[in-house]
Protein backbone atom coordinates (compact mmCIF):
# COMPACT_ATOMS: atom_id res chain seq x y z
CA MET A 1 -64.90 69.96 8.12
CA ILE A 2 -67.82 72.28 7.45
CA ASN A 3 -70.78 70.53 5.84
CA THR A 4 -71.38 72.56 2.69
CA VAL A 5 -74.06 70.29 1.21
CA ILE A 6 -77.74 70.64 2.17
CA GLU A 7 -79.86 67.52 1.75
CA PRO A 8 -83.37 67.54 0.19
CA GLY A 9 -86.03 68.54 2.70
CA THR A 10 -89.32 66.99 3.70
CA GLY A 11 -91.58 66.44 0.72
CA ALA A 12 -88.74 66.13 -1.77
CA ILE A 13 -89.21 63.74 -4.68
CA GLY A 14 -87.18 60.55 -4.24
CA ALA A 15 -85.99 57.94 -6.71
CA GLN A 16 -88.73 55.63 -5.48
CA ASN A 17 -91.32 58.16 -6.67
CA LEU A 18 -90.11 58.28 -10.25
CA ASP A 19 -92.34 56.85 -12.97
CA PRO A 20 -90.35 53.98 -14.54
CA PHE A 21 -91.58 55.13 -17.95
CA LEU A 22 -90.45 58.73 -17.42
CA ASP A 23 -88.44 60.19 -20.30
CA ILE A 24 -85.66 61.40 -18.03
CA GLU A 25 -83.82 63.46 -20.65
CA GLN A 26 -87.02 65.22 -21.68
CA GLU A 27 -87.78 65.99 -18.04
CA ILE A 28 -84.27 67.32 -17.41
CA ASN A 29 -84.67 69.64 -20.39
CA ARG A 30 -88.06 70.80 -19.10
CA VAL A 31 -86.71 71.58 -15.63
CA ARG A 32 -83.66 73.26 -17.14
CA ARG A 33 -85.93 75.66 -19.02
CA GLU A 34 -88.35 76.25 -16.14
CA LYS A 35 -85.62 76.95 -13.57
CA ASN A 36 -83.23 78.76 -15.90
CA ALA A 37 -80.56 76.19 -15.10
CA VAL A 38 -77.20 75.47 -16.70
CA ILE A 39 -75.87 71.90 -16.57
CA LEU A 40 -72.12 71.41 -16.25
CA ALA A 41 -70.40 68.06 -16.79
CA HIS A 42 -66.79 67.22 -16.10
CA TYR A 43 -64.91 65.25 -18.74
CA TYR A 44 -64.91 62.26 -16.37
CA GLN A 45 -68.70 61.90 -16.31
CA GLU A 46 -70.63 59.13 -18.08
CA PRO A 47 -71.25 59.87 -21.79
CA GLU A 48 -75.01 60.31 -21.31
CA ILE A 49 -74.38 63.06 -18.75
CA GLN A 50 -71.78 64.76 -20.95
CA ASP A 51 -74.22 64.73 -23.87
CA ILE A 52 -77.04 66.44 -21.98
CA ALA A 53 -74.79 69.12 -20.46
CA ASP A 54 -74.62 72.71 -21.64
CA PHE A 55 -70.87 72.77 -21.06
CA VAL A 56 -68.32 69.94 -20.75
CA GLY A 57 -64.82 70.59 -19.50
CA ASP A 58 -62.37 70.88 -16.60
CA SER A 59 -63.81 71.75 -13.20
CA LEU A 60 -62.60 75.33 -12.81
CA ASP A 61 -63.25 76.35 -16.41
CA LEU A 62 -66.80 75.06 -15.99
CA SER A 63 -67.30 77.19 -12.88
CA ARG A 64 -65.99 80.24 -14.71
CA LYS A 65 -68.28 79.56 -17.65
CA ALA A 66 -71.31 79.19 -15.38
CA ALA A 67 -70.50 82.46 -13.62
CA GLN A 68 -70.67 84.23 -16.99
CA THR A 69 -74.18 82.98 -17.81
CA ASP A 70 -77.50 84.43 -16.69
CA ALA A 71 -78.56 81.06 -15.27
CA GLU A 72 -80.16 81.08 -11.86
CA MET A 73 -79.24 77.45 -11.11
CA ILE A 74 -76.00 75.54 -11.69
CA ALA A 75 -76.32 71.76 -11.81
CA PHE A 76 -72.72 70.54 -11.51
CA CYS A 77 -72.14 66.93 -12.55
CA GLY A 78 -68.78 66.15 -11.06
CA VAL A 79 -67.69 65.84 -7.44
CA LYS A 80 -68.37 67.92 -4.33
CA PHE A 81 -65.36 70.26 -4.42
CA MET A 82 -66.41 71.28 -7.95
CA GLY A 83 -69.83 72.32 -6.70
CA GLU A 84 -68.14 74.31 -3.92
CA CYS A 85 -65.94 76.04 -6.46
CA ALA A 86 -68.98 77.02 -8.52
CA LYS A 87 -70.69 78.43 -5.41
CA ILE A 88 -67.56 80.39 -4.42
CA LEU A 89 -67.50 82.05 -7.85
CA SER A 90 -71.30 82.40 -8.18
CA PRO A 91 -72.68 83.06 -4.67
CA ASP A 92 -76.03 84.35 -5.95
CA LYS A 93 -76.80 81.23 -7.99
CA THR A 94 -78.35 78.02 -6.66
CA VAL A 95 -75.76 75.24 -7.01
CA VAL A 96 -76.85 71.59 -6.89
CA ILE A 97 -74.94 68.33 -7.29
CA PRO A 98 -76.47 64.94 -8.16
CA ASP A 99 -74.90 63.00 -5.27
CA ARG A 100 -73.53 64.51 -2.06
CA GLU A 101 -71.32 61.44 -1.51
CA ALA A 102 -69.40 62.03 -4.74
CA GLY A 103 -66.09 63.08 -3.21
CA CYS A 104 -62.44 63.02 -4.25
CA SER A 105 -59.50 61.03 -2.92
CA LEU A 106 -57.26 64.10 -3.19
CA GLU A 107 -59.68 66.22 -1.16
CA ASP A 108 -60.05 63.43 1.40
CA SER A 109 -56.27 63.12 1.79
CA CYS A 110 -55.88 66.76 2.83
CA GLN A 111 -58.05 67.68 5.81
CA PRO A 112 -58.12 71.38 6.79
CA GLU A 113 -56.76 70.94 10.31
CA ASP A 114 -53.86 68.82 9.05
CA PHE A 115 -53.08 71.26 6.27
CA ALA A 116 -53.15 74.19 8.69
CA ALA A 117 -50.64 72.40 10.93
CA PHE A 118 -48.45 71.59 7.92
CA ARG A 119 -48.42 75.25 6.91
CA ALA A 120 -47.55 76.30 10.47
CA GLN A 121 -44.54 73.96 10.40
CA ASN A 122 -43.29 75.60 7.18
CA PRO A 123 -43.96 79.33 7.65
CA ASP A 124 -41.49 80.41 4.95
CA HIS A 125 -43.33 78.42 2.27
CA MET A 126 -46.07 79.74 0.01
CA ALA A 127 -49.05 77.38 -0.31
CA ILE A 128 -49.81 76.69 -3.96
CA THR A 129 -52.82 74.38 -3.83
CA TYR A 130 -54.42 72.26 -6.52
CA VAL A 131 -58.09 72.99 -7.13
CA ASN A 132 -58.94 69.41 -6.08
CA CYS A 133 -59.44 70.33 -2.43
CA SER A 134 -62.14 71.54 -0.06
CA ALA A 135 -63.24 75.15 0.31
CA GLU A 136 -61.57 75.17 3.73
CA VAL A 137 -58.18 74.13 2.32
CA LYS A 138 -58.57 76.72 -0.43
CA ALA A 139 -59.13 79.32 2.29
CA LEU A 140 -55.83 78.29 3.90
CA SER A 141 -53.92 78.65 0.61
CA ASP A 142 -52.10 81.51 -1.09
CA ILE A 143 -52.87 80.63 -4.71
CA ILE A 144 -55.09 77.94 -6.23
CA VAL A 145 -53.92 76.27 -9.44
CA THR A 146 -55.09 73.70 -11.97
CA SER A 147 -53.02 71.16 -13.85
CA SER A 148 -53.16 73.43 -16.90
CA ASN A 149 -51.87 76.64 -15.29
CA ALA A 150 -49.78 75.51 -12.30
CA GLU A 151 -46.43 75.60 -14.10
CA ALA A 152 -47.02 79.06 -15.55
CA ILE A 153 -48.15 80.45 -12.20
CA ILE A 154 -45.21 78.99 -10.27
CA LYS A 155 -42.80 80.49 -12.82
CA GLN A 156 -44.22 83.93 -12.01
CA LEU A 157 -43.12 83.61 -8.37
CA PRO A 158 -39.67 84.73 -7.15
CA ALA A 159 -37.06 82.08 -7.94
CA ASN A 160 -36.11 81.68 -4.27
CA GLN A 161 -39.68 81.31 -3.01
CA LYS A 162 -40.17 78.00 -1.20
CA ILE A 163 -43.44 76.30 -2.07
CA ILE A 164 -45.86 73.91 -0.43
CA PHE A 165 -47.85 72.05 -3.05
CA ALA A 166 -50.98 70.16 -2.05
CA PRO A 167 -52.66 67.77 -2.22
CA ASP A 168 -51.24 65.71 -5.16
CA ARG A 169 -47.64 64.58 -4.67
CA HIS A 170 -47.25 63.33 -8.25
CA LEU A 171 -48.33 66.66 -9.71
CA GLY A 172 -46.08 68.38 -7.16
CA ALA A 173 -43.09 66.29 -8.23
CA TYR A 174 -43.82 66.97 -11.88
CA LEU A 175 -43.98 70.72 -11.24
CA ALA A 176 -40.74 70.67 -9.27
CA LYS A 177 -39.04 68.96 -12.21
CA LYS A 178 -40.53 71.36 -14.77
CA THR A 179 -39.84 74.57 -12.84
CA GLY A 180 -36.70 73.68 -10.90
CA ARG A 181 -38.31 75.14 -7.77
CA ASP A 182 -38.05 74.04 -4.15
CA ILE A 183 -41.42 72.31 -3.71
CA LEU A 184 -42.55 70.47 -0.59
CA SER A 185 -45.43 68.22 -1.63
CA TRP A 186 -48.37 66.99 0.41
CA PRO A 187 -48.52 63.16 0.19
CA GLY A 188 -51.94 62.81 -1.48
CA THR A 189 -52.71 60.93 -4.70
CA CYS A 190 -55.61 60.41 -7.09
CA ILE A 191 -56.99 56.87 -6.82
CA VAL A 192 -57.42 56.71 -10.60
CA HIS A 193 -54.03 57.97 -11.79
CA GLU A 194 -52.19 56.18 -8.97
CA GLN A 195 -53.24 52.77 -10.32
CA PHE A 196 -51.79 52.96 -13.82
CA ASN A 197 -49.05 50.34 -14.12
CA GLU A 198 -45.76 50.86 -15.94
CA LYS A 199 -45.19 47.19 -16.80
CA GLU A 200 -48.65 46.81 -18.31
CA LEU A 201 -48.28 50.12 -20.13
CA VAL A 202 -45.08 48.91 -21.79
CA LYS A 203 -46.81 45.68 -22.78
CA LEU A 204 -49.60 47.73 -24.33
CA THR A 205 -47.10 49.72 -26.40
CA VAL A 206 -45.86 46.45 -27.87
CA ARG A 207 -49.40 45.72 -29.06
CA TYR A 208 -49.79 49.28 -30.37
CA PRO A 209 -46.27 50.27 -31.50
CA ASN A 210 -47.48 53.36 -33.35
CA ALA A 211 -49.60 54.70 -30.51
CA MET A 212 -48.71 57.98 -28.86
CA ILE A 213 -49.05 58.14 -25.07
CA ALA A 214 -50.84 61.08 -23.45
CA ALA A 215 -50.80 61.29 -19.65
CA HIS A 216 -52.17 63.53 -16.91
CA PRO A 217 -49.53 64.89 -14.49
CA GLU A 218 -51.41 63.28 -11.58
CA CYS A 219 -49.84 60.01 -12.82
CA PRO A 220 -46.71 58.63 -11.11
CA ASP A 221 -43.39 59.53 -12.73
CA SER A 222 -43.00 55.92 -13.90
CA ILE A 223 -45.96 56.53 -16.22
CA LEU A 224 -45.03 60.09 -17.17
CA SER A 225 -41.58 58.93 -18.25
CA HIS A 226 -43.20 57.07 -21.17
CA ALA A 227 -45.54 59.86 -22.22
CA ASP A 228 -45.29 61.73 -25.50
CA HIS A 229 -47.54 64.42 -24.05
CA ILE A 230 -48.24 65.43 -20.44
CA GLY A 231 -51.07 67.82 -19.66
CA SER A 232 -54.50 68.56 -18.23
CA THR A 233 -57.59 66.80 -19.53
CA ARG A 234 -58.26 69.65 -21.95
CA SER A 235 -54.63 69.65 -23.07
CA ILE A 236 -54.76 65.89 -23.66
CA LEU A 237 -57.98 66.25 -25.66
CA ASP A 238 -56.42 68.95 -27.84
CA TYR A 239 -53.26 66.89 -28.31
CA VAL A 240 -54.96 63.72 -29.54
CA THR A 241 -57.30 65.73 -31.75
CA ASP A 242 -54.57 67.78 -33.42
CA HIS A 243 -51.79 65.17 -33.70
CA ASP A 244 -51.30 63.31 -36.98
CA ALA A 245 -51.17 59.93 -35.23
CA VAL A 246 -54.29 57.75 -35.31
CA GLU A 247 -53.67 55.62 -32.20
CA PHE A 248 -53.33 56.94 -28.66
CA ILE A 249 -52.93 55.40 -25.22
CA VAL A 250 -54.67 57.67 -22.72
CA ALA A 251 -53.43 57.74 -19.12
CA THR A 252 -56.22 59.59 -17.39
CA GLU A 253 -59.83 58.86 -16.40
CA GLN A 254 -61.25 57.02 -19.39
CA HIS A 255 -64.51 58.95 -19.83
CA ILE A 256 -62.54 61.71 -21.56
CA ILE A 257 -62.39 59.23 -24.45
CA HIS A 258 -66.05 60.01 -25.17
CA GLN A 259 -65.06 63.54 -26.17
CA MET A 260 -62.09 62.19 -28.12
CA ASP A 261 -64.34 59.86 -30.10
CA LYS A 262 -66.64 62.77 -30.91
CA ALA A 263 -63.79 65.07 -31.93
CA ALA A 264 -61.80 62.48 -33.91
CA PRO A 265 -64.00 59.46 -34.75
CA HIS A 266 -61.44 58.08 -37.20
CA LYS A 267 -58.83 57.62 -34.45
CA THR A 268 -58.35 54.85 -31.88
CA PHE A 269 -58.10 55.62 -28.16
CA ILE A 270 -57.01 53.03 -25.60
CA ALA A 271 -57.29 53.55 -21.85
CA ALA A 272 -54.01 52.95 -20.00
CA PRO A 273 -54.05 49.70 -17.96
CA GLY A 274 -53.76 48.92 -14.28
CA ALA A 275 -51.62 46.27 -12.61
CA ASP A 276 -53.88 43.42 -13.75
CA GLY A 277 -53.70 44.52 -17.38
CA THR A 278 -57.28 45.73 -17.55
CA CYS A 279 -58.65 49.22 -17.99
CA ASP A 280 -60.99 49.06 -14.97
CA CYS A 281 -58.69 51.28 -12.94
CA ALA A 282 -59.26 54.16 -15.34
CA SER A 283 -62.76 54.88 -14.01
CA CYS A 284 -63.31 57.21 -11.05
CA PRO A 285 -65.78 55.60 -8.62
CA PHE A 286 -66.78 59.03 -7.27
CA MET A 287 -67.60 60.44 -10.70
CA ALA A 288 -69.57 57.27 -11.41
CA MET A 289 -71.94 57.99 -8.50
CA ASN A 290 -73.80 60.54 -10.62
CA SER A 291 -76.61 59.57 -13.00
CA LEU A 292 -79.29 61.22 -15.11
CA GLU A 293 -81.90 60.25 -12.50
CA LYS A 294 -79.91 61.88 -9.69
CA LEU A 295 -79.33 64.95 -11.84
CA TYR A 296 -83.06 65.27 -12.49
CA LEU A 297 -83.95 64.88 -8.81
CA ALA A 298 -81.31 67.43 -7.76
CA MET A 299 -82.73 69.98 -10.18
CA VAL A 300 -86.34 69.33 -9.18
CA ASN A 301 -85.65 69.32 -5.43
CA GLU A 302 -82.94 72.00 -5.64
CA ALA A 303 -80.86 69.69 -3.46
CA PRO A 304 -78.36 68.32 -2.64
CA ARG A 305 -77.54 72.04 -2.61
CA VAL A 306 -74.10 73.53 -2.04
CA GLU A 307 -73.94 76.39 0.46
CA VAL A 308 -70.61 77.92 1.50
CA PRO A 309 -70.65 80.23 4.57
CA GLU A 310 -69.87 83.76 3.42
CA ASP A 311 -66.76 84.21 5.57
CA LEU A 312 -65.34 80.93 4.23
CA ARG A 313 -66.36 81.82 0.68
CA ILE A 314 -64.50 85.13 0.79
CA LYS A 315 -61.37 83.48 2.20
CA ALA A 316 -61.48 80.76 -0.46
CA LEU A 317 -62.20 83.27 -3.23
CA THR A 318 -59.02 85.24 -2.53
CA PRO A 319 -56.53 82.55 -3.71
CA LEU A 320 -58.89 81.58 -6.54
CA GLN A 321 -58.96 85.19 -7.71
CA LYS A 322 -55.15 85.33 -7.55
CA MET A 323 -55.07 82.35 -9.88
CA LEU A 324 -57.55 83.94 -12.28
CA ASP A 325 -55.53 87.15 -12.30
CA MET A 326 -52.35 85.20 -13.13
CA SER A 327 -53.92 83.04 -15.86
CA PRO A 328 -55.17 83.77 -19.36
CA ALA A 329 -58.88 83.22 -19.89
CA PRO A 330 -59.62 79.82 -21.43
CA PRO A 331 -61.10 79.60 -24.95
CA PRO A 332 -64.91 79.38 -25.04
CA GLN A 333 -66.33 75.86 -24.89
CA ASN A 334 -69.75 74.37 -25.51
CA ARG A 335 -71.11 70.87 -25.64
CA ASP A 336 -70.76 70.65 -29.42
CA ALA A 337 -67.16 71.85 -29.49
CA ALA A 338 -65.91 70.15 -26.30
């Protein structure tokens, strides 16, 4: 795979150089002003990162929002493919990420050379690819989708069109069921959503008999079969905020609960359990690699910096643009309303 992340150069400030008494939030705000930067935080980031961000949301909506600003720098607190997506949509902006090692199990499961071979074996299939993939896999795809717009986009395709869906097999299976289409799914899974356990979920519903269950479609069907609502992170947030119920079991990465608590402090939100009955499985280890200190250093050093070769960027932009053309614009979001 092409290395799209540039490390800090000689003379960069390192963590070992930081004053232990430094007011890190104050310094982030100072650098944000000086460098005309916008800070983006995915819903799965730690609360302290969400609270300092200019925009909190889903990965693609954040990239779109950043492209609409006059910021010269985008500091994307999420994982690497999200930074790539921001660079693809905003090639003239400097894009930095706090930790270059913050990857994604779905991206890792679908390497470009393997995906290219898979496509070659199924030439009559259209490749509808989830945004959780590398720039190179995007470039090999026909249309990029998110969990919020995939169903609507697939329904716009001819009814007899065969489809490859990558890289999440659970989302692919869910879409096949919802659309009735012939979908051949890549065998990837999300390490967070894969671990939710049906038996423990049922036990939890006994403890909270009035709780509604909201689940992300990256979950296995055994979990989705119990859900009162299935949708993207934004859709889940809207559901629990608007519903009359006051207790919810949330089957997605648990840091979305921070936004739920802010939006509906009078309600109770419980993270769905793993096989051992705990909620530890609901945390993404890749998202957890970011921190305020790493964010500050990335902004100061302007690295780790995401750079996508122009030929690759153009190829990856084409299926992204197809998605944008086939999707309604999302409602405006900011850190107070998210």
